[in-house]
């Protein structure tokens, strides 16, 4: 969304300018020039990443500076300031919560249809997604699980071909096979973990070397 000043006569060089923009949909427009709607304003505020402030307003302007930039918001505590009467009081509508009905109430989910982000409808009960292979144990609307890169299946509980060992601590889900270029089929071994202790207490008196078993490309 973009705000365009209706009166730019006060924008002149070599002077300080105080400019205020009220957060109403009537003060903004879409990128194609259409007036913003309440829905589009709520969509922007629901996922606001960046607010850009134009710094050049006068022809031939060489420098500018910004100061005392602030955004007035409404909170549910006494701040000793004026009441934010423009904010709606909470409405008791089944399935919704928030001052502008912008969130689904507990037990409801977005339907991907309707205004804003979608109509709030009673949440369906679906099996939980795999804690190891899914990005979230809670399925998205329609019961679909969002799998990690190396995870598959309706519940993201299986390793895809050419991968093995699914783990919740692995951000990719499973581990891609690496068998020195011989095969792409692999599985977890039946080995157990142990520790190899390196006694290097004599420090610089002994030389520590690390080598490889590759006889064609050795390194030390």
N, C-alpha and C. Protein backbone atom coordinates (compact mmCIF):
# COMPACT_ATOMS: atom_id res chain seq x y z
N UNK A 1 0.83 -1.19 0.00
CA UNK A 1 0.00 0.00 0.00
C UNK A 1 0.87 1.25 0.00
N UNK A 2 0.35 2.34 -0.56
CA UNK A 2 1.13 3.57 -0.69
C UNK A 2 0.27 4.76 -0.26
N UNK A 3 0.92 5.68 0.45
CA UNK A 3 0.25 6.94 0.82
C UNK A 3 0.81 8.06 -0.04
N UNK A 4 -0.07 8.85 -0.64
CA UNK A 4 0.35 10.00 -1.44
C UNK A 4 -0.19 11.27 -0.77
N UNK A 5 0.67 12.22 -0.43
CA UNK A 5 0.19 13.48 0.17
C UNK A 5 -0.75 14.21 -0.77
N UNK A 6 -1.88 14.65 -0.25
CA UNK A 6 -2.85 15.39 -1.06
C UNK A 6 -2.41 16.84 -1.27
N UNK A 7 -1.67 17.37 -0.31
CA UNK A 7 -1.21 18.76 -0.40
C UNK A 7 0.29 18.79 -0.15
N UNK A 8 1.07 19.10 -1.16
CA UNK A 8 2.53 19.13 -1.03
C UNK A 8 3.08 20.54 -0.97
N UNK A 9 2.21 21.52 -0.75
CA UNK A 9 2.67 22.91 -0.73
C UNK A 9 3.61 23.18 0.44
N UNK A 10 3.48 22.41 1.51
CA UNK A 10 4.33 22.64 2.68
C UNK A 10 5.71 22.01 2.52
N UNK A 11 5.88 21.17 1.49
CA UNK A 11 7.17 20.54 1.28
C UNK A 11 8.08 21.52 0.55
N UNK A 12 9.01 22.08 1.27
CA UNK A 12 9.95 23.04 0.70
C UNK A 12 11.31 22.81 1.32
N UNK A 13 12.34 23.25 0.61
CA UNK A 13 13.71 23.06 1.09
C UNK A 13 14.03 24.00 2.25
N UNK A 14 15.03 23.64 3.01
CA UNK A 14 15.55 24.46 4.11
C UNK A 14 14.51 24.73 5.19
N UNK A 15 13.70 23.73 5.51
CA UNK A 15 12.74 23.90 6.59
C UNK A 15 12.39 22.53 7.17
N UNK A 16 11.97 22.54 8.43
CA UNK A 16 11.52 21.33 9.09
C UNK A 16 10.03 21.14 8.85
N UNK A 17 9.63 19.93 8.55
CA UNK A 17 8.24 19.63 8.24
C UNK A 17 7.77 18.49 9.15
N UNK A 18 6.63 18.68 9.77
CA UNK A 18 6.01 17.61 10.56
C UNK A 18 4.82 17.08 9.77
N UNK A 19 4.83 15.77 9.53
CA UNK A 19 3.79 15.18 8.69
C UNK A 19 3.18 13.98 9.42
N UNK A 20 1.86 13.93 9.46
CA UNK A 20 1.14 12.86 10.14
C UNK A 20 0.21 12.16 9.16
N UNK A 21 0.21 10.83 9.22
CA UNK A 21 -0.67 10.02 8.38
C UNK A 21 -1.52 9.15 9.29
N UNK A 22 -2.82 9.33 9.26
CA UNK A 22 -3.73 8.48 10.04
C UNK A 22 -3.87 7.12 9.35
N UNK A 23 -3.88 6.06 10.17
CA UNK A 23 -3.96 4.71 9.62
C UNK A 23 -5.40 4.35 9.29
N UNK A 24 -5.93 4.99 8.27
CA UNK A 24 -7.24 4.67 7.72
C UNK A 24 -7.05 4.20 6.28
N UNK A 25 -7.92 3.31 5.83
CA UNK A 25 -7.79 2.83 4.46
C UNK A 25 -7.94 3.96 3.44
N UNK A 26 -8.67 5.03 3.80
CA UNK A 26 -8.85 6.14 2.88
C UNK A 26 -7.58 6.93 2.63
N UNK A 27 -6.56 6.73 3.44
CA UNK A 27 -5.30 7.45 3.27
C UNK A 27 -4.27 6.67 2.46
N UNK A 28 -4.67 5.51 1.95
CA UNK A 28 -3.73 4.67 1.20
C UNK A 28 -4.37 4.22 -0.10
N UNK A 29 -3.52 3.77 -1.01
CA UNK A 29 -4.00 3.23 -2.27
C UNK A 29 -3.17 2.02 -2.66
N UNK A 30 -3.73 1.20 -3.55
CA UNK A 30 -3.03 0.02 -4.03
C UNK A 30 -1.92 0.44 -5.01
N UNK A 31 -1.07 -0.52 -5.37
CA UNK A 31 0.03 -0.21 -6.29
C UNK A 31 -0.47 0.21 -7.67
N UNK A 32 -1.70 -0.21 -8.03
CA UNK A 32 -2.24 0.18 -9.33
C UNK A 32 -3.06 1.46 -9.27
N UNK A 33 -3.07 2.14 -8.12
CA UNK A 33 -3.77 3.40 -7.98
C UNK A 33 -5.17 3.29 -7.43
N UNK A 34 -5.71 2.08 -7.29
CA UNK A 34 -7.05 1.92 -6.74
C UNK A 34 -7.05 2.25 -5.24
N UNK A 35 -8.12 2.84 -4.73
CA UNK A 35 -8.19 3.13 -3.29
C UNK A 35 -8.09 1.85 -2.47
N UNK A 36 -7.38 1.92 -1.37
CA UNK A 36 -7.25 0.75 -0.50
C UNK A 36 -8.58 0.47 0.20
N UNK A 37 -8.82 -0.78 0.50
CA UNK A 37 -10.01 -1.19 1.24
C UNK A 37 -9.61 -1.57 2.65
N UNK A 38 -10.62 -1.71 3.51
CA UNK A 38 -10.34 -2.15 4.88
C UNK A 38 -9.66 -3.51 4.87
N UNK A 39 -10.10 -4.37 3.97
CA UNK A 39 -9.51 -5.71 3.88
C UNK A 39 -8.04 -5.65 3.50
N UNK A 40 -7.70 -4.85 2.48
CA UNK A 40 -6.31 -4.77 2.04
C UNK A 40 -5.43 -4.13 3.10
N UNK A 41 -5.96 -3.16 3.85
CA UNK A 41 -5.19 -2.56 4.94
C UNK A 41 -4.93 -3.57 6.04
N UNK A 42 -5.94 -4.37 6.40
CA UNK A 42 -5.76 -5.39 7.43
C UNK A 42 -4.77 -6.45 6.97
N UNK A 43 -4.81 -6.80 5.69
CA UNK A 43 -3.86 -7.77 5.16
C UNK A 43 -2.43 -7.26 5.27
N UNK A 44 -2.23 -5.97 4.99
CA UNK A 44 -0.90 -5.39 5.07
C UNK A 44 -0.41 -5.35 6.52
N UNK A 45 -1.28 -4.96 7.44
CA UNK A 45 -0.88 -4.86 8.84
C UNK A 45 -0.68 -6.23 9.47
N UNK A 46 -1.34 -7.26 8.93
CA UNK A 46 -1.21 -8.61 9.50
C UNK A 46 0.16 -9.20 9.23
N UNK A 47 0.84 -8.75 8.19
CA UNK A 47 2.16 -9.29 7.85
C UNK A 47 3.06 -8.16 7.37
N UNK A 48 3.24 -7.17 8.23
CA UNK A 48 4.01 -5.98 7.87
C UNK A 48 5.50 -6.26 8.04
N UNK A 49 6.24 -6.19 6.94
CA UNK A 49 7.68 -6.43 6.97
C UNK A 49 8.48 -5.13 6.94
N UNK A 50 8.05 -4.19 6.12
CA UNK A 50 8.82 -2.96 5.91
C UNK A 50 7.89 -1.77 5.74
N UNK A 51 8.27 -0.65 6.33
CA UNK A 51 7.58 0.61 6.08
C UNK A 51 8.62 1.59 5.54
N UNK A 52 8.45 2.02 4.30
CA UNK A 52 9.39 2.91 3.64
C UNK A 52 8.87 4.34 3.68
N UNK A 53 9.75 5.27 4.00
CA UNK A 53 9.40 6.69 4.06
C UNK A 53 10.19 7.43 2.98
N UNK A 54 9.49 8.08 2.09
CA UNK A 54 10.15 8.82 1.02
C UNK A 54 10.95 9.98 1.59
N UNK A 55 12.18 10.13 1.11
CA UNK A 55 13.06 11.17 1.64
C UNK A 55 13.24 12.34 0.70
N UNK A 56 12.88 12.20 -0.56
CA UNK A 56 13.06 13.27 -1.55
C UNK A 56 11.71 13.78 -2.01
N UNK A 57 11.45 15.08 -1.78
CA UNK A 57 10.17 15.67 -2.15
C UNK A 57 10.31 16.94 -2.98
N UNK A 58 11.51 17.51 -3.02
CA UNK A 58 11.71 18.80 -3.70
C UNK A 58 12.67 18.64 -4.87
N UNK A 59 12.45 19.41 -5.92
CA UNK A 59 13.33 19.37 -7.09
C UNK A 59 14.71 19.92 -6.71
N UNK A 60 15.74 19.21 -7.11
CA UNK A 60 17.10 19.64 -6.83
C UNK A 60 17.55 19.38 -5.41
N UNK A 61 16.79 18.63 -4.67
CA UNK A 61 17.14 18.34 -3.27
C UNK A 61 18.41 17.50 -3.22
N UNK A 62 19.33 17.86 -2.35
CA UNK A 62 20.61 17.17 -2.25
C UNK A 62 20.72 16.31 -1.00
N UNK A 63 20.06 16.68 0.06
CA UNK A 63 20.15 15.90 1.30
C UNK A 63 18.88 16.09 2.12
N UNK A 64 18.66 15.16 3.01
CA UNK A 64 17.50 15.22 3.90
C UNK A 64 17.80 14.38 5.13
N UNK A 65 16.99 14.51 6.14
CA UNK A 65 17.14 13.69 7.35
C UNK A 65 15.77 13.47 7.96
N UNK A 66 15.62 12.37 8.65
CA UNK A 66 14.38 12.02 9.33
C UNK A 66 14.61 12.04 10.83
N UNK A 67 13.62 12.49 11.56
CA UNK A 67 13.74 12.50 13.02
C UNK A 67 12.40 12.35 13.69
N UNK A 68 12.40 11.76 14.87
CA UNK A 68 11.17 11.59 15.67
C UNK A 68 10.09 10.85 14.90
N UNK A 69 10.48 9.73 14.28
CA UNK A 69 9.50 8.90 13.57
C UNK A 69 8.83 7.98 14.58
N UNK A 70 7.51 7.99 14.62
CA UNK A 70 6.78 7.15 15.58
C UNK A 70 5.48 6.68 14.96
N UNK A 71 4.91 5.64 15.56
CA UNK A 71 3.65 5.08 15.09
C UNK A 71 2.76 4.89 16.31
N UNK A 72 1.64 5.54 16.32
CA UNK A 72 0.73 5.45 17.46
C UNK A 72 -0.13 4.20 17.32
N UNK A 73 -0.14 3.37 18.36
CA UNK A 73 -0.92 2.13 18.36
C UNK A 73 -1.84 2.12 19.56
N UNK A 74 -2.74 1.15 19.61
CA UNK A 74 -3.69 1.01 20.72
C UNK A 74 -3.31 -0.19 21.58
N UNK A 75 -3.35 -0.03 22.89
CA UNK A 75 -3.05 -1.11 23.83
C UNK A 75 -4.16 -1.18 24.86
N UNK A 76 -4.28 -2.33 25.51
CA UNK A 76 -5.37 -2.53 26.47
C UNK A 76 -4.94 -2.22 27.90
N UNK A 77 -4.25 -1.12 28.09
CA UNK A 77 -3.88 -0.66 29.42
C UNK A 77 -3.94 0.87 29.44
N UNK A 78 -4.03 1.42 30.62
CA UNK A 78 -4.12 2.88 30.76
C UNK A 78 -2.74 3.49 30.56
N UNK A 79 -2.60 4.29 29.52
CA UNK A 79 -1.32 4.94 29.21
C UNK A 79 -1.33 6.42 29.57
N UNK A 80 -2.41 6.90 30.20
CA UNK A 80 -2.57 8.31 30.54
C UNK A 80 -2.67 9.18 29.29
N UNK A 81 -2.96 8.56 28.15
CA UNK A 81 -3.18 9.30 26.91
C UNK A 81 -4.67 9.23 26.55
N UNK A 82 -5.04 9.84 25.43
CA UNK A 82 -6.42 9.82 24.99
C UNK A 82 -6.85 8.40 24.63
N UNK A 83 -8.16 8.15 24.73
CA UNK A 83 -8.70 6.85 24.33
C UNK A 83 -8.59 6.68 22.81
N UNK A 84 -8.29 5.46 22.40
CA UNK A 84 -8.23 5.14 20.97
C UNK A 84 -9.63 4.77 20.50
N UNK A 85 -10.49 5.77 20.38
CA UNK A 85 -11.89 5.53 20.07
C UNK A 85 -12.09 4.98 18.66
N UNK A 86 -11.08 5.14 17.79
CA UNK A 86 -11.23 4.63 16.43
C UNK A 86 -11.18 3.11 16.39
N UNK A 87 -10.63 2.49 17.44
CA UNK A 87 -10.56 1.04 17.47
C UNK A 87 -11.91 0.46 17.86
N UNK A 88 -12.29 -0.60 17.21
CA UNK A 88 -13.54 -1.26 17.52
C UNK A 88 -13.44 -1.98 18.86
N UNK A 89 -14.55 -2.03 19.57
CA UNK A 89 -14.60 -2.88 20.76
C UNK A 89 -14.70 -4.33 20.29
N UNK A 90 -14.37 -5.25 21.17
CA UNK A 90 -14.39 -6.66 20.81
C UNK A 90 -15.82 -7.10 20.49
N UNK A 91 -15.97 -7.76 19.35
CA UNK A 91 -17.27 -8.25 18.93
C UNK A 91 -17.35 -9.75 19.20
N UNK A 92 -18.48 -10.19 19.70
CA UNK A 92 -18.65 -11.60 20.01
C UNK A 92 -19.34 -12.29 18.84
N UNK A 93 -18.55 -12.68 17.85
CA UNK A 93 -19.04 -13.39 16.67
C UNK A 93 -18.45 -14.79 16.70
N UNK A 94 -19.28 -15.78 16.58
CA UNK A 94 -18.83 -17.16 16.68
C UNK A 94 -17.72 -17.46 15.67
N UNK A 95 -16.62 -17.98 16.17
CA UNK A 95 -15.51 -18.38 15.31
C UNK A 95 -14.43 -17.35 15.14
N UNK A 96 -14.64 -16.14 15.67
CA UNK A 96 -13.66 -15.06 15.45
C UNK A 96 -13.25 -14.44 16.78
N UNK A 97 -12.07 -13.83 16.76
CA UNK A 97 -11.59 -13.07 17.91
C UNK A 97 -10.75 -11.91 17.39
N UNK A 98 -10.38 -10.99 18.27
CA UNK A 98 -9.64 -9.80 17.85
C UNK A 98 -10.56 -8.61 17.70
N UNK A 99 -9.99 -7.41 17.82
CA UNK A 99 -10.79 -6.18 17.76
C UNK A 99 -11.47 -6.00 16.41
N UNK A 100 -10.88 -6.54 15.36
CA UNK A 100 -11.49 -6.42 14.03
C UNK A 100 -11.83 -7.80 13.45
N UNK A 101 -12.03 -8.77 14.33
CA UNK A 101 -12.36 -10.14 13.88
C UNK A 101 -11.29 -10.66 12.93
N UNK A 102 -10.02 -10.32 13.21
CA UNK A 102 -8.95 -10.69 12.29
C UNK A 102 -8.34 -12.05 12.58
N UNK A 103 -8.74 -12.70 13.66
CA UNK A 103 -8.18 -13.99 14.02
C UNK A 103 -9.28 -15.01 14.23
N UNK A 104 -8.94 -16.28 14.01
CA UNK A 104 -9.89 -17.35 14.28
C UNK A 104 -9.85 -17.70 15.76
N UNK A 105 -11.02 -17.95 16.32
CA UNK A 105 -11.12 -18.35 17.72
C UNK A 105 -10.59 -19.77 17.88
N UNK A 106 -10.20 -20.17 19.10
CA UNK A 106 -9.76 -21.55 19.34
C UNK A 106 -10.81 -22.54 18.85
N UNK A 107 -10.35 -23.57 18.14
CA UNK A 107 -11.26 -24.55 17.58
C UNK A 107 -11.73 -24.24 16.18
N UNK A 108 -11.23 -23.12 15.61
CA UNK A 108 -11.60 -22.73 14.25
C UNK A 108 -10.33 -22.56 13.41
N UNK A 109 -10.48 -22.65 12.10
CA UNK A 109 -9.35 -22.51 11.19
C UNK A 109 -9.79 -21.79 9.92
N UNK A 110 -8.80 -21.30 9.16
CA UNK A 110 -9.10 -20.60 7.92
C UNK A 110 -9.52 -21.58 6.83
N UNK A 111 -10.51 -21.19 6.04
CA UNK A 111 -11.02 -22.06 4.99
C UNK A 111 -10.40 -21.78 3.63
N UNK A 112 -9.55 -20.73 3.54
CA UNK A 112 -8.94 -20.30 2.28
C UNK A 112 -9.97 -19.74 1.30
N UNK A 113 -11.15 -19.50 1.76
CA UNK A 113 -12.19 -18.89 0.93
C UNK A 113 -12.85 -17.78 1.73
N UNK A 114 -13.31 -16.75 1.03
CA UNK A 114 -13.95 -15.65 1.72
C UNK A 114 -13.03 -14.47 1.89
N UNK A 115 -13.47 -13.44 2.60
CA UNK A 115 -12.68 -12.21 2.75
C UNK A 115 -11.46 -12.41 3.64
N UNK A 116 -10.59 -11.41 3.60
CA UNK A 116 -9.37 -11.37 4.41
C UNK A 116 -8.53 -12.61 4.11
N UNK A 117 -8.14 -13.39 5.09
CA UNK A 117 -7.33 -14.59 4.87
C UNK A 117 -8.18 -15.84 4.70
N UNK A 118 -9.49 -15.68 4.68
CA UNK A 118 -10.40 -16.81 4.56
C UNK A 118 -11.36 -16.87 5.72
N UNK A 119 -12.54 -17.40 5.48
CA UNK A 119 -13.55 -17.50 6.52
C UNK A 119 -13.12 -18.49 7.60
N UNK A 120 -13.40 -18.18 8.85
CA UNK A 120 -13.09 -19.09 9.95
C UNK A 120 -14.20 -20.13 10.07
N UNK A 121 -13.83 -21.40 9.96
CA UNK A 121 -14.79 -22.50 10.04
C UNK A 121 -14.33 -23.46 11.13
N UNK A 122 -15.24 -24.29 11.66
CA UNK A 122 -14.84 -25.25 12.69
C UNK A 122 -13.68 -26.11 12.22
N UNK A 123 -12.68 -26.24 13.06
CA UNK A 123 -11.48 -27.00 12.70
C UNK A 123 -11.80 -28.49 12.62
N UNK A 124 -11.30 -29.13 11.57
CA UNK A 124 -11.46 -30.57 11.42
C UNK A 124 -10.38 -31.28 12.23
N UNK A 125 -10.69 -32.46 12.69
CA UNK A 125 -9.71 -33.25 13.44
C UNK A 125 -8.94 -34.14 12.47
N UNK A 126 -7.65 -33.91 12.39
CA UNK A 126 -6.79 -34.70 11.52
C UNK A 126 -5.69 -35.34 12.36
N UNK A 127 -5.12 -36.45 11.88
CA UNK A 127 -3.98 -37.05 12.59
C UNK A 127 -2.82 -36.06 12.65
N UNK A 128 -2.07 -36.10 13.73
CA UNK A 128 -0.92 -35.22 13.85
C UNK A 128 0.17 -35.62 12.87
N UNK A 129 0.85 -34.63 12.35
CA UNK A 129 1.98 -34.88 11.46
C UNK A 129 3.17 -35.36 12.28
N UNK A 130 4.09 -36.03 11.61
CA UNK A 130 5.27 -36.56 12.27
C UNK A 130 6.11 -35.44 12.86
N UNK A 131 6.48 -35.58 14.12
CA UNK A 131 7.33 -34.58 14.76
C UNK A 131 8.73 -34.57 14.17
N UNK A 132 9.14 -35.69 13.55
CA UNK A 132 10.48 -35.78 12.99
C UNK A 132 10.54 -35.32 11.55
N UNK A 133 9.49 -35.59 10.78
CA UNK A 133 9.55 -35.30 9.35
C UNK A 133 8.76 -34.12 8.88
N UNK A 134 7.91 -33.54 9.72
CA UNK A 134 7.06 -32.42 9.30
C UNK A 134 7.56 -31.11 9.89
N UNK A 135 7.24 -30.01 9.21
CA UNK A 135 7.62 -28.70 9.72
C UNK A 135 6.81 -28.33 10.95
N UNK A 136 5.61 -28.90 11.08
CA UNK A 136 4.75 -28.68 12.24
C UNK A 136 3.91 -29.93 12.44
N UNK A 137 3.66 -30.27 13.70
CA UNK A 137 2.83 -31.43 13.98
C UNK A 137 1.36 -31.15 13.67
N UNK A 138 0.99 -29.86 13.55
CA UNK A 138 -0.38 -29.50 13.23
C UNK A 138 -0.54 -29.39 11.71
N UNK A 139 -1.42 -30.19 11.11
CA UNK A 139 -1.60 -30.13 9.66
C UNK A 139 -2.24 -28.82 9.23
N UNK A 140 -1.99 -28.44 7.99
CA UNK A 140 -2.60 -27.24 7.43
C UNK A 140 -4.06 -27.52 7.12
N UNK A 141 -4.76 -26.50 6.62
CA UNK A 141 -6.17 -26.67 6.30
C UNK A 141 -6.34 -27.80 5.29
N UNK A 142 -7.28 -28.69 5.54
CA UNK A 142 -7.50 -29.85 4.69
C UNK A 142 -6.74 -31.08 5.15
N UNK A 143 -5.97 -30.96 6.24
CA UNK A 143 -5.25 -32.10 6.79
C UNK A 143 -3.92 -32.39 6.15
N UNK A 144 -3.42 -31.51 5.30
CA UNK A 144 -2.17 -31.75 4.60
C UNK A 144 -0.99 -31.36 5.48
N UNK A 145 -0.03 -32.28 5.61
CA UNK A 145 1.18 -32.02 6.39
C UNK A 145 2.24 -31.38 5.49
N UNK A 146 2.98 -30.44 6.04
CA UNK A 146 4.07 -29.79 5.33
C UNK A 146 5.37 -30.50 5.69
N UNK A 147 5.90 -31.28 4.74
CA UNK A 147 7.07 -32.12 5.02
C UNK A 147 8.37 -31.33 4.92
N UNK A 148 9.38 -31.82 5.64
CA UNK A 148 10.73 -31.30 5.49
C UNK A 148 11.28 -31.74 4.12
N UNK A 149 12.47 -31.24 3.79
CA UNK A 149 13.04 -31.50 2.46
C UNK A 149 13.17 -32.99 2.17
N UNK A 150 13.69 -33.76 3.13
CA UNK A 150 13.86 -35.20 2.95
C UNK A 150 12.89 -35.94 3.86
N UNK A 151 11.61 -35.83 3.55
CA UNK A 151 10.55 -36.55 4.25
C UNK A 151 9.37 -36.67 3.29
N UNK A 152 8.62 -37.75 3.42
CA UNK A 152 7.49 -37.96 2.53
C UNK A 152 6.41 -38.74 3.27
N UNK A 153 5.30 -38.96 2.60
CA UNK A 153 4.18 -39.65 3.22
C UNK A 153 3.10 -38.67 3.65
N UNK A 154 1.90 -39.19 3.85
CA UNK A 154 0.78 -38.34 4.24
C UNK A 154 1.04 -37.61 5.54
N UNK A 155 1.78 -38.26 6.46
CA UNK A 155 2.10 -37.66 7.75
C UNK A 155 3.56 -37.23 7.83
N UNK A 156 4.26 -37.27 6.69
CA UNK A 156 5.69 -36.92 6.65
C UNK A 156 6.51 -37.81 7.58
N UNK A 157 6.13 -39.08 7.65
CA UNK A 157 6.78 -40.00 8.57
C UNK A 157 7.66 -41.02 7.88
N UNK A 158 8.00 -40.80 6.61
CA UNK A 158 8.81 -41.74 5.86
C UNK A 158 9.97 -41.02 5.19
N UNK A 159 11.08 -41.74 5.04
CA UNK A 159 12.21 -41.20 4.29
C UNK A 159 11.98 -41.47 2.81
N UNK A 160 12.21 -40.49 1.95
CA UNK A 160 12.08 -40.75 0.51
C UNK A 160 13.21 -41.63 0.02
N UNK A 161 13.14 -42.05 -1.23
CA UNK A 161 14.18 -42.89 -1.81
C UNK A 161 15.53 -42.20 -1.72
N UNK A 162 16.56 -43.01 -1.54
CA UNK A 162 17.95 -42.53 -1.49
C UNK A 162 18.23 -41.66 -0.27
N UNK A 163 17.53 -41.92 0.82
CA UNK A 163 17.80 -41.23 2.09
C UNK A 163 17.48 -42.18 3.23
N UNK A 164 17.94 -41.83 4.44
CA UNK A 164 17.75 -42.73 5.58
C UNK A 164 17.78 -41.94 6.88
N UNK A 165 17.39 -42.59 7.96
CA UNK A 165 17.44 -42.10 9.33
C UNK A 165 16.72 -40.76 9.52
N UNK A 166 15.42 -40.86 9.77
CA UNK A 166 14.64 -39.67 10.07
C UNK A 166 14.84 -39.27 11.53
N UNK A 167 15.03 -37.97 11.76
CA UNK A 167 15.27 -37.48 13.11
C UNK A 167 14.64 -36.11 13.28
N UNK A 168 14.02 -35.89 14.44
CA UNK A 168 13.41 -34.59 14.72
C UNK A 168 14.45 -33.49 14.81
N UNK A 169 15.68 -33.84 15.18
CA UNK A 169 16.74 -32.83 15.31
C UNK A 169 17.35 -32.45 13.97
N UNK A 170 17.02 -33.19 12.92
CA UNK A 170 17.55 -32.90 11.59
C UNK A 170 16.59 -31.97 10.86
N UNK A 171 17.00 -30.74 10.54
CA UNK A 171 16.09 -29.80 9.87
C UNK A 171 15.65 -30.26 8.49
N UNK A 172 16.34 -31.26 7.91
CA UNK A 172 15.95 -31.78 6.61
C UNK A 172 15.13 -33.06 6.72
N UNK A 173 14.96 -33.59 7.92
CA UNK A 173 14.18 -34.81 8.11
C UNK A 173 15.04 -36.04 8.08
N UNK A 174 15.40 -36.51 6.88
CA UNK A 174 16.27 -37.67 6.71
C UNK A 174 17.62 -37.23 6.15
N UNK A 175 18.56 -38.17 6.08
CA UNK A 175 19.91 -37.89 5.60
C UNK A 175 20.05 -38.46 4.19
N UNK A 176 20.47 -37.66 3.20
CA UNK A 176 20.69 -38.20 1.85
C UNK A 176 21.79 -39.25 1.87
N UNK A 177 21.62 -40.30 1.07
CA UNK A 177 22.62 -41.36 1.01
C UNK A 177 23.92 -40.85 0.39
N UNK A 178 25.03 -41.31 0.94
CA UNK A 178 26.33 -41.04 0.35
C UNK A 178 27.16 -42.31 0.51
N UNK A 179 27.29 -43.04 -0.58
CA UNK A 179 28.01 -44.32 -0.55
C UNK A 179 29.16 -44.30 -1.54
N UNK A 180 29.91 -43.21 -1.53
CA UNK A 180 31.12 -43.05 -2.35
C UNK A 180 30.84 -43.24 -3.83
N UNK A 181 29.63 -42.91 -4.26
CA UNK A 181 29.30 -43.02 -5.67
C UNK A 181 29.01 -44.42 -6.16
N UNK A 182 28.98 -45.41 -5.26
CA UNK A 182 28.75 -46.80 -5.65
C UNK A 182 27.26 -47.09 -5.80
N UNK A 183 26.45 -46.61 -4.86
CA UNK A 183 25.02 -46.87 -4.88
C UNK A 183 24.29 -45.73 -4.18
N UNK A 184 22.99 -45.61 -4.45
CA UNK A 184 22.16 -44.61 -3.79
C UNK A 184 21.22 -45.24 -2.77
N UNK A 185 21.37 -46.54 -2.55
CA UNK A 185 20.53 -47.25 -1.59
C UNK A 185 21.29 -47.39 -0.28
N UNK A 186 20.67 -47.01 0.82
CA UNK A 186 21.35 -47.08 2.10
C UNK A 186 20.33 -47.21 3.21
N UNK A 187 20.80 -47.54 4.39
CA UNK A 187 19.95 -47.64 5.57
C UNK A 187 20.81 -47.42 6.79
N UNK A 188 20.19 -47.23 7.93
CA UNK A 188 20.93 -47.00 9.17
C UNK A 188 21.69 -48.27 9.56
N UNK A 189 22.89 -48.09 10.09
CA UNK A 189 23.71 -49.23 10.50
C UNK A 189 23.26 -49.73 11.87
N UNK A 190 23.83 -50.86 12.29
CA UNK A 190 23.56 -51.39 13.62
C UNK A 190 24.74 -51.16 14.56
N UNK A 191 25.55 -50.14 14.23
CA UNK A 191 26.69 -49.81 15.07
C UNK A 191 26.24 -49.03 16.30
N UNK A 192 27.09 -49.06 17.32
CA UNK A 192 26.84 -48.28 18.54
C UNK A 192 27.91 -47.21 18.67
N UNK A 193 27.57 -46.17 19.35
CA UNK A 193 28.51 -45.07 19.53
C UNK A 193 29.53 -45.39 20.62
N UNK A 194 30.72 -44.86 20.44
CA UNK A 194 31.76 -44.93 21.46
C UNK A 194 32.65 -43.71 21.28
N UNK A 195 33.63 -43.56 22.11
CA UNK A 195 34.53 -42.41 22.04
C UNK A 195 35.96 -42.88 21.89
N UNK A 196 36.69 -42.19 21.05
CA UNK A 196 38.12 -42.42 20.88
C UNK A 196 38.86 -41.28 21.56
N UNK A 197 39.61 -41.60 22.59
CA UNK A 197 40.32 -40.58 23.35
C UNK A 197 41.67 -40.29 22.70
N UNK A 198 41.98 -39.04 22.56
CA UNK A 198 43.25 -38.60 21.99
C UNK A 198 44.10 -38.03 23.11
N UNK A 199 45.18 -38.73 23.42
CA UNK A 199 46.08 -38.28 24.48
C UNK A 199 47.13 -37.36 23.86
N UNK A 200 46.95 -36.09 24.09
CA UNK A 200 47.87 -35.11 23.52
C UNK A 200 48.41 -34.22 24.64
N UNK A 201 48.64 -34.83 25.78
CA UNK A 201 49.06 -34.07 26.96
C UNK A 201 50.47 -33.52 26.83
N UNK A 202 51.29 -34.14 25.95
CA UNK A 202 52.68 -33.67 25.83
C UNK A 202 52.82 -32.48 24.89
N UNK A 203 51.71 -32.05 24.31
CA UNK A 203 51.69 -30.81 23.56
C UNK A 203 52.64 -30.79 22.38
N UNK A 204 53.47 -29.74 22.31
CA UNK A 204 54.31 -29.52 21.14
C UNK A 204 55.48 -30.49 21.04
N UNK A 205 55.71 -31.31 22.05
CA UNK A 205 56.83 -32.24 21.98
C UNK A 205 56.58 -33.36 20.98
N UNK A 206 55.32 -33.65 20.65
CA UNK A 206 54.97 -34.66 19.64
C UNK A 206 54.28 -33.97 18.47
N UNK A 207 54.41 -34.56 17.30
CA UNK A 207 53.78 -34.01 16.10
C UNK A 207 52.48 -34.76 15.83
N UNK A 208 51.38 -34.02 15.68
CA UNK A 208 50.07 -34.61 15.40
C UNK A 208 49.81 -34.53 13.90
N UNK A 209 49.52 -35.69 13.27
CA UNK A 209 49.26 -35.74 11.85
C UNK A 209 47.88 -36.33 11.59
N UNK A 210 47.18 -35.78 10.59
CA UNK A 210 45.91 -36.32 10.12
C UNK A 210 46.10 -36.71 8.67
N UNK A 211 45.83 -37.97 8.32
CA UNK A 211 46.02 -38.46 6.96
C UNK A 211 44.73 -39.07 6.44
N UNK A 212 44.74 -39.41 5.16
CA UNK A 212 43.60 -40.05 4.52
C UNK A 212 44.01 -41.39 3.94
N UNK A 213 43.02 -42.26 3.76
CA UNK A 213 43.31 -43.58 3.19
C UNK A 213 43.36 -43.54 1.67
N UNK A 214 43.13 -42.39 1.06
CA UNK A 214 43.17 -42.26 -0.39
C UNK A 214 44.63 -42.19 -0.83
N UNK A 215 45.09 -43.27 -1.45
CA UNK A 215 46.50 -43.34 -1.83
C UNK A 215 46.82 -42.42 -3.00
N UNK A 216 45.81 -42.03 -3.79
CA UNK A 216 46.05 -41.20 -4.97
C UNK A 216 46.10 -39.71 -4.61
N UNK A 217 45.41 -39.32 -3.57
CA UNK A 217 45.38 -37.90 -3.17
C UNK A 217 45.62 -37.79 -1.67
N UNK A 218 46.80 -38.15 -1.20
CA UNK A 218 47.05 -38.07 0.25
C UNK A 218 47.23 -36.63 0.70
N UNK A 219 46.99 -36.40 1.95
CA UNK A 219 47.27 -35.09 2.53
C UNK A 219 47.73 -35.30 3.96
N UNK A 220 48.49 -34.33 4.47
CA UNK A 220 48.98 -34.38 5.85
C UNK A 220 48.74 -33.04 6.49
